[in-house]
């Protein structure tokens, strides 16, 4: 079970267009129970 630290970073001159949406969706892409998550794959 590989402990993975997922980190969102921005730059002094560039930010996410919608940081809240990224923060809400990205953990599920990595660790979610949905069939197309990294953990499920």
ModelCIF file with pLDDT and N, C-alpha, C, O atoms, coordinates in Angstrom:
data_MODEL
#
_entry.id   MODEL 
#
_entity.id                         1 
_entity.type                       polymer 
_entity.pdbx_number_of_molecules   1 
#
_entity_poly.entity_id                      1 
_entity_poly.type                           'polypeptide(L)' 
_entity_poly.nstd_linkage                   no 
_entity_poly.nstd_monomer                   no 
_entity_poly.pdbx_seq_one_letter_code       
;(UNK)(UNK)(UNK)(UNK)(UNK)(UNK)(UNK)(UNK)(UNK)(UNK)(UNK)(UNK)(UNK)(UNK)(UNK)(UNK)
(UNK)(UNK)(UNK)(UNK)(UNK)(UNK)(UNK)(UNK)(UNK)(UNK)(UNK)(UNK)(UNK)(UNK)(UNK)(UNK)
(UNK)(UNK)(UNK)(UNK)(UNK)(UNK)(UNK)(UNK)(UNK)
;
_entity_poly.pdbx_seq_one_letter_code_can   XXXXXXXXXXXXXXXXXXXXXXXXXXXXXXXXXXXXXXXXX 
_entity_poly.pdbx_strand_id                 A 
#
loop_
_entity_poly_seq.entity_id 
_entity_poly_seq.num 
_entity_poly_seq.mon_id 
_entity_poly_seq.hetero 
1 1  UNK n 
1 2  UNK n 
1 3  UNK n 
1 4  UNK n 
1 5  UNK n 
1 6  UNK n 
1 7  UNK n 
1 8  UNK n 
1 9  UNK n 
1 10 UNK n 
1 11 UNK n 
1 12 UNK n 
1 13 UNK n 
1 14 UNK n 
1 15 UNK n 
1 16 UNK n 
1 17 UNK n 
1 18 UNK n 
1 19 UNK n 
1 20 UNK n 
1 21 UNK n 
1 22 UNK n 
1 23 UNK n 
1 24 UNK n 
1 25 UNK n 
1 26 UNK n 
1 27 UNK n 
1 28 UNK n 
1 29 UNK n 
1 30 UNK n 
1 31 UNK n 
1 32 UNK n 
1 33 UNK n 
1 34 UNK n 
1 35 UNK n 
1 36 UNK n 
1 37 UNK n 
1 38 UNK n 
1 39 UNK n 
1 40 UNK n 
1 41 UNK n 
#
_struct_asym.id          A 
_struct_asym.entity_id   1 
#
loop_
_ma_qa_metric.id 
_ma_qa_metric.mode 
_ma_qa_metric.name 
_ma_qa_metric.software_group_id 
_ma_qa_metric.type 
1 global pLDDT . pLDDT 
2 local  pLDDT . pLDDT 
#
_ma_qa_metric_global.metric_id      1 
_ma_qa_metric_global.metric_value   95.20 
_ma_qa_metric_global.model_id       1 
_ma_qa_metric_global.ordinal_id     1 
#
loop_
_ma_qa_metric_local.label_asym_id 
_ma_qa_metric_local.label_comp_id 
_ma_qa_metric_local.label_seq_id 
_ma_qa_metric_local.metric_id 
_ma_qa_metric_local.metric_value 
_ma_qa_metric_local.model_id 
_ma_qa_metric_local.ordinal_id 
A UNK 1  2 94.00 1 1  
A UNK 2  2 95.00 1 2  
A UNK 3  2 97.00 1 3  
A UNK 4  2 97.00 1 4  
A UNK 5  2 98.00 1 5  
A UNK 6  2 97.00 1 6  
A UNK 7  2 98.00 1 7  
A UNK 8  2 98.00 1 8  
A UNK 9  2 98.00 1 9  
A UNK 10 2 97.00 1 10 
A UNK 11 2 97.00 1 11 
A UNK 12 2 97.00 1 12 
A UNK 13 2 95.00 1 13 
A UNK 14 2 96.00 1 14 
A UNK 15 2 96.00 1 15 
A UNK 16 2 95.00 1 16 
A UNK 17 2 92.00 1 17 
A UNK 18 2 94.00 1 18 
A UNK 19 2 96.00 1 19 
A UNK 20 2 95.00 1 20 
A UNK 21 2 95.00 1 21 
A UNK 22 2 95.00 1 22 
A UNK 23 2 95.00 1 23 
A UNK 24 2 94.00 1 24 
A UNK 25 2 93.00 1 25 
A UNK 26 2 95.00 1 26 
A UNK 27 2 95.00 1 27 
A UNK 28 2 95.00 1 28 
A UNK 29 2 96.00 1 29 
A UNK 30 2 97.00 1 30 
A UNK 31 2 96.00 1 31 
A UNK 32 2 94.00 1 32 
A UNK 33 2 92.00 1 33 
A UNK 34 2 89.00 1 34 
A UNK 35 2 89.00 1 35 
A UNK 36 2 90.00 1 36 
A UNK 37 2 95.00 1 37 
A UNK 38 2 97.00 1 38 
A UNK 39 2 96.00 1 39 
A UNK 40 2 96.00 1 40 
A UNK 41 2 97.00 1 41 
#
loop_
_atom_site.group_PDB 
_atom_site.id 
_atom_site.type_symbol 
_atom_site.label_atom_id 
_atom_site.label_alt_id 
_atom_site.label_comp_id 
_atom_site.label_asym_id 
_atom_site.label_entity_id 
_atom_site.label_seq_id 
_atom_site.pdbx_PDB_ins_code 
_atom_site.Cartn_x 
_atom_site.Cartn_y 
_atom_site.Cartn_z 
_atom_site.occupancy 
_atom_site.B_iso_or_equiv 
_atom_site.pdbx_formal_charge 
_atom_site.auth_seq_id 
_atom_site.auth_comp_id 
_atom_site.auth_asym_id 
_atom_site.auth_atom_id 
_atom_site.pdbx_PDB_model_num 
ATOM 1   N N  . UNK A 1 1  ? 0.873   -1.167 0.000   1.00 94.00 ? 1  UNK A N  1 
ATOM 2   C CA . UNK A 1 1  ? 0.000   0.000  0.000   1.00 94.00 ? 1  UNK A CA 1 
ATOM 3   C C  . UNK A 1 1  ? 0.912   1.219  0.000   1.00 94.00 ? 1  UNK A C  1 
ATOM 4   O O  . UNK A 1 1  ? 1.485   1.584  1.027   1.00 94.00 ? 1  UNK A O  1 
ATOM 5   N N  . UNK A 1 2  ? 1.035   1.830  -1.149  1.00 95.00 ? 2  UNK A N  1 
ATOM 6   C CA . UNK A 1 2  ? 1.983   2.925  -1.333  1.00 95.00 ? 2  UNK A CA 1 
ATOM 7   C C  . UNK A 1 2  ? 1.391   4.234  -0.808  1.00 95.00 ? 2  UNK A C  1 
ATOM 8   O O  . UNK A 1 2  ? 0.403   4.732  -1.347  1.00 95.00 ? 2  UNK A O  1 
ATOM 9   N N  . UNK A 1 3  ? 2.000   4.790  0.248   1.00 97.00 ? 3  UNK A N  1 
ATOM 10  C CA . UNK A 1 3  ? 1.525   6.046  0.826   1.00 97.00 ? 3  UNK A CA 1 
ATOM 11  C C  . UNK A 1 3  ? 1.913   7.201  -0.100  1.00 97.00 ? 3  UNK A C  1 
ATOM 12  O O  . UNK A 1 3  ? 3.089   7.526  -0.264  1.00 97.00 ? 3  UNK A O  1 
ATOM 13  N N  . UNK A 1 4  ? 0.903   7.799  -0.688  1.00 97.00 ? 4  UNK A N  1 
ATOM 14  C CA . UNK A 1 4  ? 1.128   8.845  -1.673  1.00 97.00 ? 4  UNK A CA 1 
ATOM 15  C C  . UNK A 1 4  ? 0.636   10.184 -1.160  1.00 97.00 ? 4  UNK A C  1 
ATOM 16  O O  . UNK A 1 4  ? -0.511  10.309 -0.730  1.00 97.00 ? 4  UNK A O  1 
ATOM 17  N N  . UNK A 1 5  ? 1.502   11.185 -1.204  1.00 98.00 ? 5  UNK A N  1 
ATOM 18  C CA . UNK A 1 5  ? 1.131   12.532 -0.798  1.00 98.00 ? 5  UNK A CA 1 
ATOM 19  C C  . UNK A 1 5  ? 0.812   13.340 -2.050  1.00 98.00 ? 5  UNK A C  1 
ATOM 20  O O  . UNK A 1 5  ? 1.690   13.609 -2.871  1.00 98.00 ? 5  UNK A O  1 
ATOM 21  N N  . UNK A 1 6  ? -0.430  13.716 -2.183  1.00 97.00 ? 6  UNK A N  1 
ATOM 22  C CA . UNK A 1 6  ? -0.909  14.520 -3.298  1.00 97.00 ? 6  UNK A CA 1 
ATOM 23  C C  . UNK A 1 6  ? -0.875  15.984 -2.880  1.00 97.00 ? 6  UNK A C  1 
ATOM 24  O O  . UNK A 1 6  ? -1.463  16.353 -1.863  1.00 97.00 ? 6  UNK A O  1 
ATOM 25  N N  . UNK A 1 7  ? -0.189  16.822 -3.659  1.00 98.00 ? 7  UNK A N  1 
ATOM 26  C CA . UNK A 1 7  ? -0.006  18.224 -3.297  1.00 98.00 ? 7  UNK A CA 1 
ATOM 27  C C  . UNK A 1 7  ? -0.388  19.117 -4.467  1.00 98.00 ? 7  UNK A C  1 
ATOM 28  O O  . UNK A 1 7  ? 0.071   18.906 -5.590  1.00 98.00 ? 7  UNK A O  1 
ATOM 29  N N  . UNK A 1 8  ? -1.222  20.105 -4.209  1.00 98.00 ? 8  UNK A N  1 
ATOM 30  C CA . UNK A 1 8  ? -1.531  21.139 -5.185  1.00 98.00 ? 8  UNK A CA 1 
ATOM 31  C C  . UNK A 1 8  ? -0.599  22.321 -4.953  1.00 98.00 ? 8  UNK A C  1 
ATOM 32  O O  . UNK A 1 8  ? -0.499  22.826 -3.834  1.00 98.00 ? 8  UNK A O  1 
ATOM 33  N N  . UNK A 1 9  ? 0.082   22.762 -6.004  1.00 98.00 ? 9  UNK A N  1 
ATOM 34  C CA . UNK A 1 9  ? 0.939   23.943 -5.870  1.00 98.00 ? 9  UNK A CA 1 
ATOM 35  C C  . UNK A 1 9  ? 0.587   24.964 -6.942  1.00 98.00 ? 9  UNK A C  1 
ATOM 36  O O  . UNK A 1 9  ? 0.164   24.619 -8.046  1.00 98.00 ? 9  UNK A O  1 
ATOM 37  N N  . UNK A 1 10 ? 0.773   26.231 -6.585  1.00 97.00 ? 10 UNK A N  1 
ATOM 38  C CA . UNK A 1 10 ? 0.581   27.338 -7.504  1.00 97.00 ? 10 UNK A CA 1 
ATOM 39  C C  . UNK A 1 10 ? 1.868   28.153 -7.569  1.00 97.00 ? 10 UNK A C  1 
ATOM 40  O O  . UNK A 1 10 ? 2.815   27.884 -6.831  1.00 97.00 ? 10 UNK A O  1 
ATOM 41  N N  . UNK A 1 11 ? 1.900   29.131 -8.436  1.00 97.00 ? 11 UNK A N  1 
ATOM 42  C CA . UNK A 1 11 ? 3.100   29.940 -8.621  1.00 97.00 ? 11 UNK A CA 1 
ATOM 43  C C  . UNK A 1 11 ? 2.805   31.397 -8.277  1.00 97.00 ? 11 UNK A C  1 
ATOM 44  O O  . UNK A 1 11 ? 1.648   31.792 -8.135  1.00 97.00 ? 11 UNK A O  1 
ATOM 45  N N  . UNK A 1 12 ? 3.851   32.174 -8.148  1.00 97.00 ? 12 UNK A N  1 
ATOM 46  C CA . UNK A 1 12 ? 3.661   33.580 -7.788  1.00 97.00 ? 12 UNK A CA 1 
ATOM 47  C C  . UNK A 1 12 ? 2.870   34.336 -8.849  1.00 97.00 ? 12 UNK A C  1 
ATOM 48  O O  . UNK A 1 12 ? 2.258   35.364 -8.559  1.00 97.00 ? 12 UNK A O  1 
ATOM 49  N N  . UNK A 1 13 ? 2.882   33.824 -10.082 1.00 95.00 ? 13 UNK A N  1 
ATOM 50  C CA . UNK A 1 13 ? 2.188   34.499 -11.170 1.00 95.00 ? 13 UNK A CA 1 
ATOM 51  C C  . UNK A 1 13 ? 1.138   33.631 -11.861 1.00 95.00 ? 13 UNK A C  1 
ATOM 52  O O  . UNK A 1 13 ? 0.651   34.000 -12.929 1.00 95.00 ? 13 UNK A O  1 
ATOM 53  N N  . UNK A 1 14 ? 0.777   32.483 -11.274 1.00 96.00 ? 14 UNK A N  1 
ATOM 54  C CA . UNK A 1 14 ? -0.204  31.597 -11.905 1.00 96.00 ? 14 UNK A CA 1 
ATOM 55  C C  . UNK A 1 14 ? -0.907  30.757 -10.850 1.00 96.00 ? 14 UNK A C  1 
ATOM 56  O O  . UNK A 1 14 ? -0.265  30.129 -10.008 1.00 96.00 ? 14 UNK A O  1 
ATOM 57  N N  . UNK A 1 15 ? -2.235  30.755 -10.909 1.00 96.00 ? 15 UNK A N  1 
ATOM 58  C CA . UNK A 1 15 ? -3.042  29.990 -9.957  1.00 96.00 ? 15 UNK A CA 1 
ATOM 59  C C  . UNK A 1 15 ? -4.005  29.085 -10.712 1.00 96.00 ? 15 UNK A C  1 
ATOM 60  O O  . UNK A 1 15 ? -4.223  29.261 -11.911 1.00 96.00 ? 15 UNK A O  1 
ATOM 61  N N  . UNK A 1 16 ? -4.583  28.115 -10.006 1.00 95.00 ? 16 UNK A N  1 
ATOM 62  C CA . UNK A 1 16 ? -5.612  27.268 -10.604 1.00 95.00 ? 16 UNK A CA 1 
ATOM 63  C C  . UNK A 1 16 ? -6.817  28.131 -10.979 1.00 95.00 ? 16 UNK A C  1 
ATOM 64  O O  . UNK A 1 16 ? -7.160  29.076 -10.269 1.00 95.00 ? 16 UNK A O  1 
ATOM 65  N N  . UNK A 1 17 ? -7.449  27.799 -12.089 1.00 92.00 ? 17 UNK A N  1 
ATOM 66  C CA . UNK A 1 17 ? -8.638  28.530 -12.503 1.00 92.00 ? 17 UNK A CA 1 
ATOM 67  C C  . UNK A 1 17 ? -9.764  28.352 -11.485 1.00 92.00 ? 17 UNK A C  1 
ATOM 68  O O  . UNK A 1 17 ? -10.540 29.274 -11.237 1.00 92.00 ? 17 UNK A O  1 
ATOM 69  N N  . UNK A 1 18 ? -9.842  27.160 -10.903 1.00 94.00 ? 18 UNK A N  1 
ATOM 70  C CA . UNK A 1 18 ? -10.846 26.871 -9.875  1.00 94.00 ? 18 UNK A CA 1 
ATOM 71  C C  . UNK A 1 18 ? -10.224 25.899 -8.881  1.00 94.00 ? 18 UNK A C  1 
ATOM 72  O O  . UNK A 1 18 ? -10.393 24.685 -8.997  1.00 94.00 ? 18 UNK A O  1 
ATOM 73  N N  . UNK A 1 19 ? -9.502  26.442 -7.902  1.00 96.00 ? 19 UNK A N  1 
ATOM 74  C CA . UNK A 1 19 ? -8.773  25.608 -6.948  1.00 96.00 ? 19 UNK A CA 1 
ATOM 75  C C  . UNK A 1 19 ? -9.712  24.710 -6.149  1.00 96.00 ? 19 UNK A C  1 
ATOM 76  O O  . UNK A 1 19 ? -9.351  23.581 -5.818  1.00 96.00 ? 19 UNK A O  1 
ATOM 77  N N  . UNK A 1 20 ? -10.904 25.195 -5.839  1.00 95.00 ? 20 UNK A N  1 
ATOM 78  C CA . UNK A 1 20 ? -11.847 24.387 -5.063  1.00 95.00 ? 20 UNK A CA 1 
ATOM 79  C C  . UNK A 1 20 ? -12.284 23.152 -5.842  1.00 95.00 ? 20 UNK A C  1 
ATOM 80  O O  . UNK A 1 20 ? -12.424 22.068 -5.276  1.00 95.00 ? 20 UNK A O  1 
ATOM 81  N N  . UNK A 1 21 ? -12.498 23.323 -7.141  1.00 95.00 ? 21 UNK A N  1 
ATOM 82  C CA . UNK A 1 21 ? -12.900 22.176 -7.968  1.00 95.00 ? 21 UNK A CA 1 
ATOM 83  C C  . UNK A 1 21 ? -11.770 21.166 -8.079  1.00 95.00 ? 21 UNK A C  1 
ATOM 84  O O  . UNK A 1 21 ? -12.011 19.961 -8.021  1.00 95.00 ? 21 UNK A O  1 
ATOM 85  N N  . UNK A 1 22 ? -10.544 21.639 -8.237  1.00 95.00 ? 22 UNK A N  1 
ATOM 86  C CA . UNK A 1 22 ? -9.392  20.734 -8.302  1.00 95.00 ? 22 UNK A CA 1 
ATOM 87  C C  . UNK A 1 22 ? -9.243  19.975 -6.985  1.00 95.00 ? 22 UNK A C  1 
ATOM 88  O O  . UNK A 1 22 ? -9.003  18.768 -6.975  1.00 95.00 ? 22 UNK A O  1 
ATOM 89  N N  . UNK A 1 23 ? -9.385  20.688 -5.893  1.00 95.00 ? 23 UNK A N  1 
ATOM 90  C CA . UNK A 1 23 ? -9.228  20.058 -4.576  1.00 95.00 ? 23 UNK A CA 1 
ATOM 91  C C  . UNK A 1 23 ? -10.320 19.038 -4.308  1.00 95.00 ? 23 UNK A C  1 
ATOM 92  O O  . UNK A 1 23 ? -10.096 18.047 -3.613  1.00 95.00 ? 23 UNK A O  1 
ATOM 93  N N  . UNK A 1 24 ? -11.492 19.279 -4.855  1.00 94.00 ? 24 UNK A N  1 
ATOM 94  C CA . UNK A 1 24 ? -12.604 18.352 -4.637  1.00 94.00 ? 24 UNK A CA 1 
ATOM 95  C C  . UNK A 1 24 ? -12.479 17.095 -5.485  1.00 94.00 ? 24 UNK A C  1 
ATOM 96  O O  . UNK A 1 24 ? -12.852 16.011 -5.036  1.00 94.00 ? 24 UNK A O  1 
ATOM 97  N N  . UNK A 1 25 ? -11.956 17.221 -6.716  1.00 93.00 ? 25 UNK A N  1 
ATOM 98  C CA . UNK A 1 25 ? -11.966 16.087 -7.638  1.00 93.00 ? 25 UNK A CA 1 
ATOM 99  C C  . UNK A 1 25 ? -10.684 15.266 -7.639  1.00 93.00 ? 25 UNK A C  1 
ATOM 100 O O  . UNK A 1 25 ? -10.733 14.056 -7.859  1.00 93.00 ? 25 UNK A O  1 
ATOM 101 N N  . UNK A 1 26 ? -9.543  15.895 -7.398  1.00 95.00 ? 26 UNK A N  1 
ATOM 102 C CA . UNK A 1 26 ? -8.269  15.211 -7.596  1.00 95.00 ? 26 UNK A CA 1 
ATOM 103 C C  . UNK A 1 26 ? -8.038  14.043 -6.635  1.00 95.00 ? 26 UNK A C  1 
ATOM 104 O O  . UNK A 1 26 ? -7.562  13.000 -7.082  1.00 95.00 ? 26 UNK A O  1 
ATOM 105 N N  . UNK A 1 27 ? -8.351  14.161 -5.332  1.00 95.00 ? 27 UNK A N  1 
ATOM 106 C CA . UNK A 1 27 ? -8.144  12.991 -4.457  1.00 95.00 ? 27 UNK A CA 1 
ATOM 107 C C  . UNK A 1 27 ? -8.907  11.760 -4.925  1.00 95.00 ? 27 UNK A C  1 
ATOM 108 O O  . UNK A 1 27 ? -8.431  10.635 -4.772  1.00 95.00 ? 27 UNK A O  1 
ATOM 109 N N  . UNK A 1 28 ? -10.093 11.971 -5.495  1.00 95.00 ? 28 UNK A N  1 
ATOM 110 C CA . UNK A 1 28 ? -10.872 10.830 -5.963  1.00 95.00 ? 28 UNK A CA 1 
ATOM 111 C C  . UNK A 1 28 ? -10.218 10.179 -7.168  1.00 95.00 ? 28 UNK A C  1 
ATOM 112 O O  . UNK A 1 28 ? -10.326 8.967  -7.353  1.00 95.00 ? 28 UNK A O  1 
ATOM 113 N N  . UNK A 1 29 ? -9.538  10.974 -7.992  1.00 96.00 ? 29 UNK A N  1 
ATOM 114 C CA . UNK A 1 29 ? -8.808  10.414 -9.134  1.00 96.00 ? 29 UNK A CA 1 
ATOM 115 C C  . UNK A 1 29 ? -7.707  9.478  -8.653  1.00 96.00 ? 29 UNK A C  1 
ATOM 116 O O  . UNK A 1 29 ? -7.439  8.459  -9.289  1.00 96.00 ? 29 UNK A O  1 
ATOM 117 N N  . UNK A 1 30 ? -7.070  9.811  -7.542  1.00 97.00 ? 30 UNK A N  1 
ATOM 118 C CA . UNK A 1 30 ? -5.978  9.007  -7.010  1.00 97.00 ? 30 UNK A CA 1 
ATOM 119 C C  . UNK A 1 30 ? -6.477  7.864  -6.117  1.00 97.00 ? 30 UNK A C  1 
ATOM 120 O O  . UNK A 1 30 ? -6.053  6.721  -6.285  1.00 97.00 ? 30 UNK A O  1 
ATOM 121 N N  . UNK A 1 31 ? -7.360  8.162  -5.186  1.00 96.00 ? 31 UNK A N  1 
ATOM 122 C CA . UNK A 1 31 ? -7.652  7.209  -4.103  1.00 96.00 ? 31 UNK A CA 1 
ATOM 123 C C  . UNK A 1 31 ? -9.100  6.750  -4.037  1.00 96.00 ? 31 UNK A C  1 
ATOM 124 O O  . UNK A 1 31 ? -9.445  5.957  -3.161  1.00 96.00 ? 31 UNK A O  1 
ATOM 125 N N  . UNK A 1 32 ? -9.954  7.222  -4.932  1.00 94.00 ? 32 UNK A N  1 
ATOM 126 C CA . UNK A 1 32 ? -11.375 6.937  -4.828  1.00 94.00 ? 32 UNK A CA 1 
ATOM 127 C C  . UNK A 1 32 ? -11.729 5.488  -5.100  1.00 94.00 ? 32 UNK A C  1 
ATOM 128 O O  . UNK A 1 32 ? -10.910 4.702  -5.576  1.00 94.00 ? 32 UNK A O  1 
ATOM 129 N N  . UNK A 1 33 ? -12.959 5.163  -4.788  1.00 92.00 ? 33 UNK A N  1 
ATOM 130 C CA . UNK A 1 33 ? -13.462 3.807  -5.023  1.00 92.00 ? 33 UNK A CA 1 
ATOM 131 C C  . UNK A 1 33 ? -14.069 3.660  -6.410  1.00 92.00 ? 33 UNK A C  1 
ATOM 132 O O  . UNK A 1 33 ? -14.451 2.558  -6.804  1.00 92.00 ? 33 UNK A O  1 
ATOM 133 N N  . UNK A 1 34 ? -14.165 4.758  -7.156  1.00 89.00 ? 34 UNK A N  1 
ATOM 134 C CA . UNK A 1 34 ? -14.721 4.664  -8.502  1.00 89.00 ? 34 UNK A CA 1 
ATOM 135 C C  . UNK A 1 34 ? -13.813 3.793  -9.369  1.00 89.00 ? 34 UNK A C  1 
ATOM 136 O O  . UNK A 1 34 ? -12.628 3.626  -9.081  1.00 89.00 ? 34 UNK A O  1 
ATOM 137 N N  . UNK A 1 35 ? -14.384 3.252  -10.420 1.00 89.00 ? 35 UNK A N  1 
ATOM 138 C CA . UNK A 1 35 ? -13.668 2.252  -11.206 1.00 89.00 ? 35 UNK A CA 1 
ATOM 139 C C  . UNK A 1 35 ? -12.453 2.810  -11.928 1.00 89.00 ? 35 UNK A C  1 
ATOM 140 O O  . UNK A 1 35 ? -11.530 2.062  -12.247 1.00 89.00 ? 35 UNK A O  1 
ATOM 141 N N  . UNK A 1 36 ? -12.438 4.124  -12.192 1.00 90.00 ? 36 UNK A N  1 
ATOM 142 C CA . UNK A 1 36 ? -11.315 4.680  -12.928 1.00 90.00 ? 36 UNK A CA 1 
ATOM 143 C C  . UNK A 1 36 ? -10.379 5.513  -12.051 1.00 90.00 ? 36 UNK A C  1 
ATOM 144 O O  . UNK A 1 36 ? -9.756  6.463  -12.524 1.00 90.00 ? 36 UNK A O  1 
ATOM 145 N N  . UNK A 1 37 ? -10.287 5.148  -10.774 1.00 95.00 ? 37 UNK A N  1 
ATOM 146 C CA . UNK A 1 37 ? -9.290  5.793  -9.913  1.00 95.00 ? 37 UNK A CA 1 
ATOM 147 C C  . UNK A 1 37 ? -7.965  5.044  -10.010 1.00 95.00 ? 37 UNK A C  1 
ATOM 148 O O  . UNK A 1 37 ? -7.918  3.886  -10.426 1.00 95.00 ? 37 UNK A O  1 
ATOM 149 N N  . UNK A 1 38 ? -6.899  5.722  -9.620  1.00 97.00 ? 38 UNK A N  1 
ATOM 150 C CA . UNK A 1 38 ? -5.568  5.102  -9.620  1.00 97.00 ? 38 UNK A CA 1 
ATOM 151 C C  . UNK A 1 38 ? -5.534  3.901  -8.685  1.00 97.00 ? 38 UNK A C  1 
ATOM 152 O O  . UNK A 1 38 ? -4.984  2.856  -9.032  1.00 97.00 ? 38 UNK A O  1 
ATOM 153 N N  . UNK A 1 39 ? -6.127  4.047  -7.487  1.00 96.00 ? 39 UNK A N  1 
ATOM 154 C CA . UNK A 1 39 ? -6.127  2.952  -6.514  1.00 96.00 ? 39 UNK A CA 1 
ATOM 155 C C  . UNK A 1 39 ? -6.872  1.737  -7.044  1.00 96.00 ? 39 UNK A C  1 
ATOM 156 O O  . UNK A 1 39 ? -6.411  0.607  -6.883  1.00 96.00 ? 39 UNK A O  1 
ATOM 157 N N  . UNK A 1 40 ? -8.021  1.962  -7.676  1.00 96.00 ? 40 UNK A N  1 
ATOM 158 C CA . UNK A 1 40 ? -8.797  0.840  -8.219  1.00 96.00 ? 40 UNK A CA 1 
ATOM 159 C C  . UNK A 1 40 ? -8.066  0.166  -9.368  1.00 96.00 ? 40 UNK A C  1 
ATOM 160 O O  . UNK A 1 40 ? -8.058  -1.061 -9.469  1.00 96.00 ? 40 UNK A O  1 
ATOM 161 N N  . UNK A 1 41 ? -7.453  0.962  -10.231 1.00 97.00 ? 41 UNK A N  1 
ATOM 162 C CA . UNK A 1 41 ? -6.703  0.405  -11.357 1.00 97.00 ? 41 UNK A CA 1 
ATOM 163 C C  . UNK A 1 41 ? -5.573  -0.486 -10.879 1.00 97.00 ? 41 UNK A C  1 
ATOM 164 O O  . UNK A 1 41 ? -4.836  -1.040 -11.694 1.00 97.00 ? 41 UNK A O  1 
#
